[in-house]
C-alpha atoms as a PDB file:
ATOM      1  CA  ARG A   1      -3.945  23.242   6.672  1.00  0.00           C
ATOM      2  CA  SER A   2      -2.288  19.866   7.002  1.00  0.00           C
ATOM      3  CA  ALA A   3       1.244  19.332   5.803  1.00  0.00           C
ATOM      4  CA  LEU A   4       0.328  15.743   4.896  1.00  0.00           C
ATOM      5  CA  PRO A   5      -1.026  15.057   1.401  1.00  0.00           C
ATOM      6  CA  THR A   6      -3.708  12.785   2.830  1.00  0.00           C
ATOM      7  CA  SER A   7      -5.945  12.542  -0.229  1.00  0.00           C
ATOM      8  CA  SER A   8      -2.928  11.624  -2.333  1.00  0.00           C
ATOM      9  CA  LEU A   9      -1.929   8.916   0.153  1.00  0.00           C
ATOM     10  CA  VAL A  10      -5.447   7.471   0.133  1.00  0.00           C
ATOM     11  CA  SER A  11      -5.364   7.334  -3.674  1.00  0.00           C
ATOM     12  CA  PHE A  12      -1.882   5.832  -3.677  1.00  0.00           C
ATOM     13  CA  VAL A  13      -2.887   3.069  -1.241  1.00  0.00           C
ATOM     14  CA  SER A  14      -5.790   2.215  -3.529  1.00  0.00           C
ATOM     15  CA  LEU A  15      -3.578   2.059  -6.627  1.00  0.00           C
ATOM     16  CA  LEU A  16      -0.866   0.060  -4.858  1.00  0.00           C
ATOM     17  CA  SER A  17      -3.493  -2.355  -3.580  1.00  0.00           C
ATOM     18  CA  GLN A  18      -4.836  -2.878  -7.103  1.00  0.00           C
ATOM     19  CA  LEU A  19      -1.345  -3.540  -8.471  1.00  0.00           C
ATOM     20  CA  THR A  20      -0.531  -5.931  -5.638  1.00  0.00           C
ATOM     21  CA  SER A  21      -3.842  -7.764  -6.064  1.00  0.00           C
ATOM     22  CA  HIS A  22      -3.165  -8.167  -9.781  1.00  0.00           C
ATOM     23  CA  ILE A  23       0.269  -9.677  -9.089  1.00  0.00           C
ATOM     24  CA  ILE A  24      -1.116 -12.054  -6.464  1.00  0.00           C
ATOM     25  CA  PHE A  25      -4.205 -12.968  -8.543  1.00  0.00           C
ATOM     26  CA  ASN A  26      -2.009 -13.910 -11.493  1.00  0.00           C
ATOM     27  CA  GLY A  27      -0.038 -16.313  -9.330  1.00  0.00           C
ATOM     28  CA  ILE A  28       3.239 -14.470  -9.537  1.00  0.00           C
ATOM     29  CA  VAL A  29       3.640 -14.635  -5.738  1.00  0.00           C
ATOM     30  CA  ASP A  30       1.769 -15.935  -2.736  1.00  0.00           C
ATOM     31  CA  GLN A  31      -0.231 -13.388  -0.759  1.00  0.00           C
ATOM     32  CA  SER A  32       1.440 -14.515   2.467  1.00  0.00           C
ATOM     33  CA  THR A  33       4.723 -12.955   1.342  1.00  0.00           C
ATOM     34  CA  LEU A  34       3.227  -9.432   1.248  1.00  0.00           C
ATOM     35  CA  PRO A  35       4.655  -7.551   4.249  1.00  0.00           C
ATOM     36  CA  ASN A  36       1.503  -5.521   4.939  1.00  0.00           C
ATOM     37  CA  PRO A  37      -1.922  -6.743   3.840  1.00  0.00           C
ATOM     38  CA  MET A  38      -3.843  -4.259   1.718  1.00  0.00           C
ATOM     39  CA  SER A  39      -7.286  -3.429   0.422  1.00  0.00           C
ATOM     40  CA  ASN A  40      -8.443  -0.426  -1.575  1.00  0.00           C
ATOM     41  CA  HIS A  41      -8.904   1.536   1.641  1.00  0.00           C
ATOM     42  CA  SER A  42      -6.482   0.012   4.110  1.00  0.00           C
ATOM     43  CA  ILE A  43      -2.951  -1.145   4.678  1.00  0.00           C
ATOM     44  CA  ASN A  44      -1.884  -3.269   7.642  1.00  0.00           C
ATOM     45  CA  ASN A  45      -5.459  -3.064   8.964  1.00  0.00           C
ATOM     46  CA  ILE A  46      -5.385   0.745   9.044  1.00  0.00           C
ATOM     47  CA  ASP A  47      -8.338   2.246   7.197  1.00  0.00           C
ATOM     48  CA  VAL A  48      -6.754   5.266   5.499  1.00  0.00           C
ATOM     49  CA  THR A  49     -10.139   6.808   4.744  1.00  0.00           C
ATOM     50  CA  LYS A  50     -10.809   7.182   8.480  1.00  0.00           C
ATOM     51  CA  ILE A  51      -7.534   8.702   9.664  1.00  0.00           C
ATOM     52  CA  VAL A  52      -7.807  12.366  10.553  1.00  0.00           C
ATOM     53  CA  GLU A  53      -5.257  14.607   8.874  1.00  0.00           C
ATOM     54  CA  SER A  54      -3.698  15.603  12.193  1.00  0.00           C
ATOM     55  CA  ASP A  55      -2.927  11.997  13.210  1.00  0.00           C
ATOM     56  CA  VAL A  56       0.711  12.112  12.207  1.00  0.00           C
ATOM     57  CA  ALA A  57       1.591   8.872  14.010  1.00  0.00           C
ATOM     58  CA  ARG A  58      -0.918   6.798  12.018  1.00  0.00           C
ATOM     59  CA  TRP A  59      -0.043   8.484   8.743  1.00  0.00           C
ATOM     60  CA  SER A  60       3.636   7.791   9.462  1.00  0.00           C
ATOM     61  CA  CYS A  61       2.773   4.120   9.991  1.00  0.00           C
ATOM     62  CA  VAL A  62       0.881   4.106   6.668  1.00  0.00           C
ATOM     63  CA  VAL A  63       3.843   5.633   4.830  1.00  0.00           C
ATOM     64  CA  PHE A  64       6.210   3.072   6.405  1.00  0.00           C
ATOM     65  CA  CYS A  65       3.889   0.214   5.354  1.00  0.00           C
ATOM     66  CA  ILE A  66       3.689   1.611   1.818  1.00  0.00           C
ATOM     67  CA  ALA A  67       7.491   1.725   1.694  1.00  0.00           C
ATOM     68  CA  GLU A  68       7.753  -1.878   2.890  1.00  0.00           C
ATOM     69  CA  ASN A  69       5.288  -3.045   0.240  1.00  0.00           C
ATOM     70  CA  LEU A  70       7.072  -1.073  -2.479  1.00  0.00           C
ATOM     71  CA  ARG A  71      10.357  -2.658  -1.428  1.00  0.00           C
ATOM     72  CA  TRP A  72       8.676  -6.080  -1.605  1.00  0.00           C
ATOM     73  CA  LEU A  73       7.419  -5.258  -5.126  1.00  0.00           C
ATOM     74  CA  SER A  74      10.861  -4.124  -6.232  1.00  0.00           C
ATOM     75  CA  LYS A  75      12.347  -7.507  -5.286  1.00  0.00           C
ATOM     76  CA  LEU A  76       9.820  -9.671  -7.127  1.00  0.00           C
ATOM     77  CA  PRO A  77      11.210 -11.762  -9.963  1.00  0.00           C
ATOM     78  CA  ILE A  78       8.864 -10.319 -12.587  1.00  0.00           C
ATOM     79  CA  ASP A  79       9.663 -10.142 -16.278  1.00  0.00           C
ATOM     80  CA  ILE A  80       7.359  -7.452 -17.665  1.00  0.00           C
ATOM     81  CA  HIS A  81       6.748  -7.291 -21.397  1.00  0.00           C
ATOM     82  CA  ILE A  82       4.988  -4.205 -22.695  1.00  0.00           C
END
């Protein structure tokens, strides 16, 4: 059994992509500032649905890209009202 939570990472990429798309769609920031382009199934042109669980190098790259995009999100000048 893999030590990587691959299905969780696939779901997280999808959710992060949706959040990022919402921010970009609403004009809060320009898409060109996003460190790693995303879609519901990929980050930085890596399709996370096609990576085998044992490919630790690619999963590590995915996790690094997720971290870069989360850092980018954390620095956005967003005033959120709930």
